[in-house]
Amino acid sequence: MSSAWRRLAWCTPLVALLFQWACGTGGGADAGEQDVGETLRPPFVDTYDEPDHADVSADVSADVSEDTANGRVLDPVAIRACFDDLSCDERFVVAHRGVRAEGVPENSLASLHLAAEAGVPMVEVDIRRSADGVHFLLHDTTLDRTTTGSGEARALSWAEISTATLLRAEAGNPDAAQIPTLEQALALAAELGLALYLDVKDADPASFVTLLERYDAFDWALVRRGVPFLQEVRALAPSAWVMPPVLSVEEATGARDALGGALRIVELGKPTADPALTAALVEAGFVVQQDVMVGGDALFLARGLTRGWDAYLEAGVRLLQSDAAPGLVTYLAAP
């Protein structure tokens, strides 16, 4: 097993204590419930806090076996192909901002490498653009939280942005330290066989589509944004794989109509499982993606329990975005 994999990190002890308080304390699993904590959870290490409410679990992953991590064959087009096939009911895991670890920050090229090593088929990254039009990976509107730089990303040139490095990066590892461009992320994902989930925060539709076209990425790069941006993308690339966030069946069907009737997947923008709404979306012909950090990862981190994940799975969610993606992959693969 590689040294990078052994260093996979979890959330801060303080956050873990908060999860224990929120989810209940106590020893093992409830009666009849699987306790996978001892087999999936490595020790806690320090990391930086996240301001995003949906990212409550911060840096997490799981200690999966080398056979599980390296033996899985990754096929970047398999997810869309499955979702387009009405007879396919497979579930897939997305690593939220990559698989992060000690020395491997969010939205870094190194976090893509760890995802591939862990057998996680898809990685979510956040897309922004510089003042001079370079698309790059960054979650926040400013550089302050995650890099050595400061200031609003959109107001800075790429030359200014690229002089900064990512905080908490492993010394001597440029894939962990540098702020990647979208083009670098696309090239690496294609090399590793990863699908990408592009959470577009700020982008120019034309140059964004040009990059996807350059890497033949329309079948393996899922574009998440509101309907107006997705309409612009589809006008330039009718086959682009797109996903809007929705909170109701009416929103989902309205988005499908606005996108010319060609919309298969939507993000259910709620933090916890909603079986009734998920079932209604599935009945309306949609595949549902949902973030499982609040309702699933939190309980797993606090007590090593999987019932939070089970709630999303039983509701019918097919694409699950997680901060504990390697652990969730292992759980789904268990007999």
Protein backbone atom coordinates (compact mmCIF):
# COMPACT_ATOMS: atom_id res chain seq x y z
CA MET A 1 0.00 0.00 0.00
CA SER A 2 1.41 3.42 -0.95
CA SER A 3 2.58 5.88 1.68
CA ALA A 4 0.09 8.46 0.35
CA TRP A 5 -2.78 6.06 0.94
CA ARG A 6 -1.65 5.38 4.50
CA ARG A 7 -1.79 9.11 5.19
CA LEU A 8 -5.46 9.51 4.22
CA ALA A 9 -6.96 11.94 6.70
CA TRP A 10 -10.16 12.57 8.57
CA CYS A 11 -11.75 15.60 10.17
CA THR A 12 -10.48 17.55 13.13
CA PRO A 13 -11.03 16.08 16.60
CA LEU A 14 -13.28 19.02 17.43
CA VAL A 15 -15.58 18.32 14.47
CA ALA A 16 -15.61 14.65 15.39
CA LEU A 17 -16.73 15.51 18.92
CA LEU A 18 -19.48 17.69 17.53
CA PHE A 19 -20.67 14.80 15.37
CA GLN A 20 -20.69 12.53 18.40
CA TRP A 21 -22.79 15.05 20.26
CA ALA A 22 -25.17 15.49 17.31
CA CYS A 23 -25.50 11.81 16.44
CA GLY A 24 -25.40 10.37 19.94
CA THR A 25 -22.53 8.87 21.89
CA GLY A 26 -21.90 5.37 22.98
CA GLY A 27 -20.01 2.28 22.12
CA GLY A 28 -20.82 0.17 19.11
CA ALA A 29 -23.53 -0.11 16.54
CA ASP A 30 -27.19 -0.31 17.36
CA ALA A 31 -28.73 -3.76 17.34
CA GLY A 32 -28.79 -5.16 13.83
CA GLU A 33 -26.66 -2.36 12.37
CA GLN A 34 -23.26 -2.81 10.80
CA ASP A 35 -20.40 -1.10 12.64
CA VAL A 36 -17.61 -0.61 10.13
CA GLY A 37 -15.67 1.97 12.10
CA GLU A 38 -12.75 -0.25 13.05
CA THR A 39 -12.25 -1.51 9.51
CA LEU A 40 -12.75 1.71 7.57
CA ARG A 41 -11.65 4.61 9.73
CA PRO A 42 -7.99 5.64 10.12
CA PRO A 43 -6.84 7.85 13.03
CA PHE A 44 -7.83 11.49 13.18
CA VAL A 45 -5.30 14.09 12.11
CA ASP A 46 -5.47 17.86 12.10
CA THR A 47 -6.75 19.71 9.06
CA TYR A 48 -8.29 23.08 8.30
CA ASP A 49 -11.96 23.91 8.80
CA GLU A 50 -14.40 24.33 5.94
CA PRO A 51 -16.92 27.19 5.83
CA ASP A 52 -19.32 25.45 3.47
CA HIS A 53 -22.33 24.07 5.40
CA ALA A 54 -22.43 21.00 3.17
CA ASP A 55 -18.81 20.11 3.88
CA VAL A 56 -19.20 19.44 7.58
CA SER A 57 -16.93 16.41 7.60
CA ALA A 58 -13.86 18.19 6.16
CA ASP A 59 -10.96 15.93 5.15
CA VAL A 60 -12.05 12.33 5.29
CA SER A 61 -11.48 9.00 3.60
CA ALA A 62 -11.10 5.37 4.47
CA ASP A 63 -8.48 2.69 4.82
CA VAL A 64 -9.42 0.30 2.06
CA SER A 65 -7.30 -2.64 1.01
CA GLU A 66 -4.75 -2.33 -1.75
CA ASP A 67 -6.68 -4.89 -3.78
CA THR A 68 -9.87 -2.82 -3.52
CA ALA A 69 -8.07 0.44 -4.25
CA ASN A 70 -5.91 -0.67 -7.15
CA GLY A 71 -7.88 -3.60 -8.51
CA ARG A 72 -10.94 -1.63 -9.59
CA VAL A 73 -10.99 -0.83 -13.28
CA LEU A 74 -12.11 2.76 -13.75
CA ASP A 75 -14.16 3.58 -16.84
CA PRO A 76 -14.92 7.30 -17.10
CA VAL A 77 -17.89 6.90 -19.46
CA ALA A 78 -19.52 4.09 -17.44
CA ILE A 79 -21.53 6.41 -15.19
CA ARG A 80 -23.32 8.29 -17.95
CA ALA A 81 -23.79 5.07 -19.93
CA CYS A 82 -25.46 3.45 -16.93
CA PHE A 83 -27.70 6.41 -16.22
CA ASP A 84 -28.79 6.55 -19.87
CA ASP A 85 -29.60 2.82 -19.78
CA LEU A 86 -32.99 2.37 -18.11
CA SER A 87 -32.12 -1.24 -17.21
CA CYS A 88 -29.01 -0.21 -15.21
CA ASP A 89 -29.54 0.49 -11.51
CA GLU A 90 -25.93 0.76 -10.30
CA ARG A 91 -24.99 3.41 -7.71
CA PHE A 92 -21.82 5.50 -8.02
CA VAL A 93 -19.75 7.54 -5.57
CA VAL A 94 -18.32 11.02 -6.10
CA ALA A 95 -15.35 12.28 -4.07
CA HIS A 96 -16.25 15.80 -2.89
CA ARG A 97 -13.36 18.09 -3.91
CA GLY A 98 -11.24 15.00 -4.45
CA VAL A 99 -9.96 12.43 -1.98
CA ARG A 100 -8.20 14.60 0.58
CA ALA A 101 -5.56 13.59 3.06
CA GLU A 102 -2.73 14.91 5.16
CA GLY A 103 -0.59 16.76 2.65
CA VAL A 104 -3.23 16.47 -0.10
CA PRO A 105 -5.58 19.50 -0.17
CA GLU A 106 -8.98 19.84 -1.78
CA ASN A 107 -9.18 20.58 -5.50
CA SER A 108 -5.60 19.46 -6.08
CA LEU A 109 -4.26 17.14 -8.75
CA ALA A 110 -2.98 14.92 -5.94
CA SER A 111 -6.57 14.49 -4.72
CA LEU A 112 -7.45 13.03 -8.15
CA HIS A 113 -4.55 10.61 -7.90
CA LEU A 114 -5.79 9.41 -4.49
CA ALA A 115 -9.32 8.97 -5.85
CA ALA A 116 -8.08 6.76 -8.67
CA GLU A 117 -5.93 4.76 -6.27
CA ALA A 118 -8.96 4.26 -4.01
CA GLY A 119 -11.19 3.09 -6.84
CA VAL A 120 -13.50 6.10 -6.57
CA PRO A 121 -14.96 6.48 -10.07
CA MET A 122 -15.79 10.20 -10.04
CA VAL A 123 -14.30 13.35 -8.52
CA GLU A 124 -16.06 16.65 -7.90
CA VAL A 125 -14.02 19.81 -8.45
CA ASP A 126 -14.99 23.48 -8.30
CA ILE A 127 -14.42 25.70 -11.32
CA ARG A 128 -13.62 29.41 -11.32
CA ARG A 129 -11.99 31.75 -13.80
CA SER A 130 -9.33 34.41 -13.48
CA ALA A 131 -9.62 38.00 -14.62
CA ASP A 132 -7.92 37.04 -17.88
CA GLY A 133 -10.15 34.05 -18.53
CA VAL A 134 -8.20 31.03 -17.27
CA HIS A 135 -10.42 28.38 -15.71
CA PHE A 136 -8.98 26.76 -12.60
CA LEU A 137 -9.93 24.75 -9.52
CA LEU A 138 -11.03 26.68 -6.41
CA HIS A 139 -14.10 26.45 -4.21
CA ASP A 140 -14.27 29.86 -2.51
CA THR A 141 -14.69 33.25 -4.14
CA THR A 142 -11.31 34.26 -2.67
CA LEU A 143 -7.92 32.58 -2.38
CA ASP A 144 -7.62 33.26 1.34
CA ARG A 145 -8.84 30.04 2.99
CA THR A 146 -7.12 27.37 0.92
CA THR A 147 -4.03 29.03 -0.58
CA THR A 148 -1.06 31.20 0.33
CA GLY A 149 -2.60 33.97 -1.78
CA SER A 150 -5.38 36.43 -1.04
CA GLY A 151 -8.02 38.39 -2.85
CA GLU A 152 -11.04 37.71 -5.02
CA ALA A 153 -10.25 35.08 -7.62
CA ARG A 154 -12.13 36.78 -10.43
CA ALA A 155 -10.24 40.04 -9.90
CA LEU A 156 -6.79 38.45 -10.23
CA SER A 157 -4.88 37.43 -13.34
CA TRP A 158 -3.78 33.84 -13.74
CA ALA A 159 -0.17 35.01 -13.38
CA GLU A 160 -1.08 36.38 -9.95
CA ILE A 161 -3.13 33.35 -8.92
CA SER A 162 -0.54 30.82 -10.04
CA THR A 163 2.12 32.29 -7.75
CA ALA A 164 0.07 31.07 -4.77
CA THR A 165 0.20 27.49 -3.53
CA LEU A 166 -2.34 25.33 -1.74
CA LEU A 167 -2.14 25.25 2.04
CA ARG A 168 -1.25 22.05 3.91
CA ALA A 169 0.34 20.56 0.78
CA GLU A 170 3.00 17.88 1.08
CA ALA A 171 6.46 19.40 0.71
CA GLY A 172 8.04 18.60 -2.61
CA ASN A 173 4.83 17.40 -4.24
CA PRO A 174 3.80 19.85 -6.99
CA ASP A 175 0.56 17.94 -7.66
CA ALA A 176 -0.46 18.71 -4.08
CA ALA A 177 0.84 22.28 -3.97
CA GLN A 178 -0.11 23.93 -7.23
CA ILE A 179 -3.51 25.43 -8.00
CA PRO A 180 -4.56 23.40 -11.04
CA THR A 181 -6.10 24.72 -14.20
CA LEU A 182 -9.22 23.04 -15.48
CA GLU A 183 -7.21 21.86 -18.47
CA GLN A 184 -4.72 20.11 -16.18
CA ALA A 185 -7.57 18.44 -14.28
CA LEU A 186 -9.20 17.24 -17.50
CA ALA A 187 -5.91 15.88 -18.82
CA LEU A 188 -5.17 14.02 -15.58
CA ALA A 189 -8.70 12.64 -15.25
CA ALA A 190 -8.50 11.31 -18.81
CA GLU A 191 -5.16 9.68 -18.01
CA LEU A 192 -6.43 8.12 -14.77
CA GLY A 193 -9.80 7.00 -16.12
CA LEU A 194 -11.81 9.22 -13.77
CA ALA A 195 -15.13 10.87 -14.47
CA LEU A 196 -15.38 14.48 -13.30
CA TYR A 197 -18.21 16.38 -11.65
CA LEU A 198 -17.59 20.02 -12.56
CA ASP A 199 -19.28 22.30 -10.03
CA VAL A 200 -19.14 25.52 -11.99
CA LYS A 201 -18.87 28.58 -9.77
CA ASP A 202 -17.76 31.02 -12.46
CA ALA A 203 -16.99 30.22 -16.07
CA ASP A 204 -17.20 31.54 -19.60
CA PRO A 205 -19.43 29.08 -21.49
CA ALA A 206 -17.58 29.27 -24.80
CA SER A 207 -14.05 28.70 -23.53
CA PHE A 208 -15.33 26.19 -20.98
CA VAL A 209 -16.96 24.10 -23.72
CA THR A 210 -13.83 24.38 -25.85
CA LEU A 211 -11.82 22.72 -23.08
CA LEU A 212 -14.34 19.90 -22.71
CA GLU A 213 -14.31 19.37 -26.46
CA ARG A 214 -10.50 19.29 -26.53
CA TYR A 215 -10.48 16.34 -24.13
CA ASP A 216 -13.55 14.62 -25.63
CA ALA A 217 -15.10 14.96 -22.18
CA PHE A 218 -18.81 15.34 -22.94
CA ASP A 219 -19.55 11.77 -21.83
CA TRP A 220 -17.48 11.80 -18.63
CA ALA A 221 -17.49 15.39 -17.34
CA LEU A 222 -20.79 16.22 -15.64
CA VAL A 223 -21.49 19.97 -15.61
CA ARG A 224 -23.39 21.18 -12.54
CA ARG A 225 -24.85 24.69 -12.63
CA GLY A 226 -28.15 26.52 -12.90
CA VAL A 227 -30.30 26.23 -16.01
CA PRO A 228 -29.25 29.52 -17.72
CA PHE A 229 -25.59 28.50 -17.82
CA LEU A 230 -26.48 24.95 -18.88
CA GLN A 231 -28.59 26.33 -21.72
CA GLU A 232 -25.54 28.22 -22.99
CA VAL A 233 -23.41 25.09 -22.72
CA ARG A 234 -25.99 22.98 -24.56
CA ALA A 235 -26.31 25.60 -27.31
CA LEU A 236 -22.60 25.14 -27.97
CA ALA A 237 -22.45 21.41 -27.26
CA PRO A 238 -25.83 19.64 -27.54
CA SER A 239 -24.37 16.36 -26.22
CA ALA A 240 -22.90 17.88 -23.05
CA TRP A 241 -23.73 16.01 -19.84
CA VAL A 242 -25.43 18.53 -17.56
CA MET A 243 -27.13 18.58 -14.17
CA PRO A 244 -29.05 21.40 -12.49
CA PRO A 245 -29.83 21.52 -8.75
CA VAL A 246 -33.54 21.21 -7.96
CA LEU A 247 -35.81 21.12 -4.93
CA SER A 248 -39.01 19.81 -6.51
CA VAL A 249 -40.34 17.72 -9.38
CA GLU A 250 -41.72 20.90 -10.91
CA GLU A 251 -38.26 22.45 -10.96
CA ALA A 252 -36.81 19.32 -12.51
CA THR A 253 -39.37 19.06 -15.28
CA GLY A 254 -39.10 22.79 -15.91
CA ALA A 255 -35.34 22.44 -16.28
CA ARG A 256 -35.83 19.52 -18.66
CA ASP A 257 -38.18 21.56 -20.80
CA ALA A 258 -35.79 24.52 -20.78
CA LEU A 259 -32.98 22.23 -21.94
CA GLY A 260 -34.95 20.90 -24.89
CA GLY A 261 -36.20 17.75 -23.20
CA ALA A 262 -32.75 16.19 -22.89
CA LEU A 263 -32.07 16.03 -19.16
CA ARG A 264 -31.53 12.74 -17.36
CA ILE A 265 -29.88 13.65 -14.04
CA VAL A 266 -30.66 16.27 -11.40
CA GLU A 267 -29.10 17.18 -8.09
CA LEU A 268 -31.51 17.05 -5.16
CA GLY A 269 -30.32 20.09 -3.25
CA LYS A 270 -31.27 18.91 0.24
CA PRO A 271 -28.80 17.84 2.94
CA THR A 272 -30.72 14.78 4.13
CA ALA A 273 -32.49 11.91 2.40
CA ASP A 274 -36.01 12.60 1.15
CA PRO A 275 -37.56 9.29 0.05
CA ALA A 276 -40.84 10.78 -1.16
CA LEU A 277 -39.26 13.48 -3.33
CA THR A 278 -36.56 11.14 -4.63
CA ALA A 279 -39.21 8.59 -5.61
CA ALA A 280 -41.23 11.30 -7.36
CA LEU A 281 -38.16 12.45 -9.31
CA VAL A 282 -37.37 8.87 -10.33
CA GLU A 283 -41.00 8.37 -11.38
CA ALA A 284 -40.67 11.50 -13.55
CA GLY A 285 -37.72 9.90 -15.35
CA PHE A 286 -34.74 11.39 -13.51
CA VAL A 287 -31.62 9.92 -11.98
CA VAL A 288 -31.00 11.62 -8.64
CA GLN A 289 -27.66 12.87 -7.33
CA GLN A 290 -27.41 14.02 -3.72
CA ASP A 291 -24.72 15.10 -1.28
CA VAL A 292 -24.46 12.69 1.65
CA MET A 293 -22.05 14.64 3.84
CA VAL A 294 -24.58 15.87 6.41
CA GLY A 295 -26.95 12.93 6.61
CA GLY A 296 -24.50 10.11 5.90
CA ASP A 297 -20.83 10.91 6.42
CA ALA A 298 -21.46 12.64 9.75
CA LEU A 299 -22.85 9.53 11.43
CA PHE A 300 -20.17 7.35 9.90
CA LEU A 301 -17.44 9.64 11.17
CA ALA A 302 -18.89 9.99 14.63
CA ARG A 303 -19.77 6.37 15.32
CA GLY A 304 -18.66 4.26 12.37
CA LEU A 305 -22.26 3.58 11.39
CA THR A 306 -23.63 3.34 7.85
CA ARG A 307 -27.34 3.88 8.39
CA GLY A 308 -27.04 7.50 7.23
CA TRP A 309 -25.72 6.32 3.88
CA ASP A 310 -28.41 3.64 3.80
CA ALA A 311 -31.10 6.31 4.02
CA TYR A 312 -29.98 7.86 0.71
CA LEU A 313 -29.50 4.47 -0.94
CA GLU A 314 -32.92 3.21 0.14
CA ALA A 315 -34.49 6.47 -1.06
CA GLY A 316 -33.17 5.75 -4.56
CA VAL A 317 -30.22 8.15 -4.88
CA ARG A 318 -27.90 6.83 -7.59
CA LEU A 319 -24.98 9.29 -7.50
CA LEU A 320 -23.74 9.98 -3.97
CA GLN A 321 -21.28 12.78 -3.30
CA SER A 322 -19.24 12.13 -0.17
CA ASP A 323 -16.31 13.37 1.86
CA ALA A 324 -15.70 9.74 2.82
CA ALA A 325 -15.77 8.47 -0.75
CA PRO A 326 -13.28 5.57 -0.41
CA GLY A 327 -15.16 4.26 2.61
CA LEU A 328 -18.49 4.54 0.82
CA VAL A 329 -17.05 2.76 -2.23
CA THR A 330 -15.89 -0.06 0.03
CA TYR A 331 -19.27 -0.22 1.76
CA LEU A 332 -21.16 -0.44 -1.55
CA ALA A 333 -18.82 -3.17 -2.77
CA ALA A 334 -19.27 -5.31 0.35
CA PRO A 335 -21.38 -8.47 -0.10
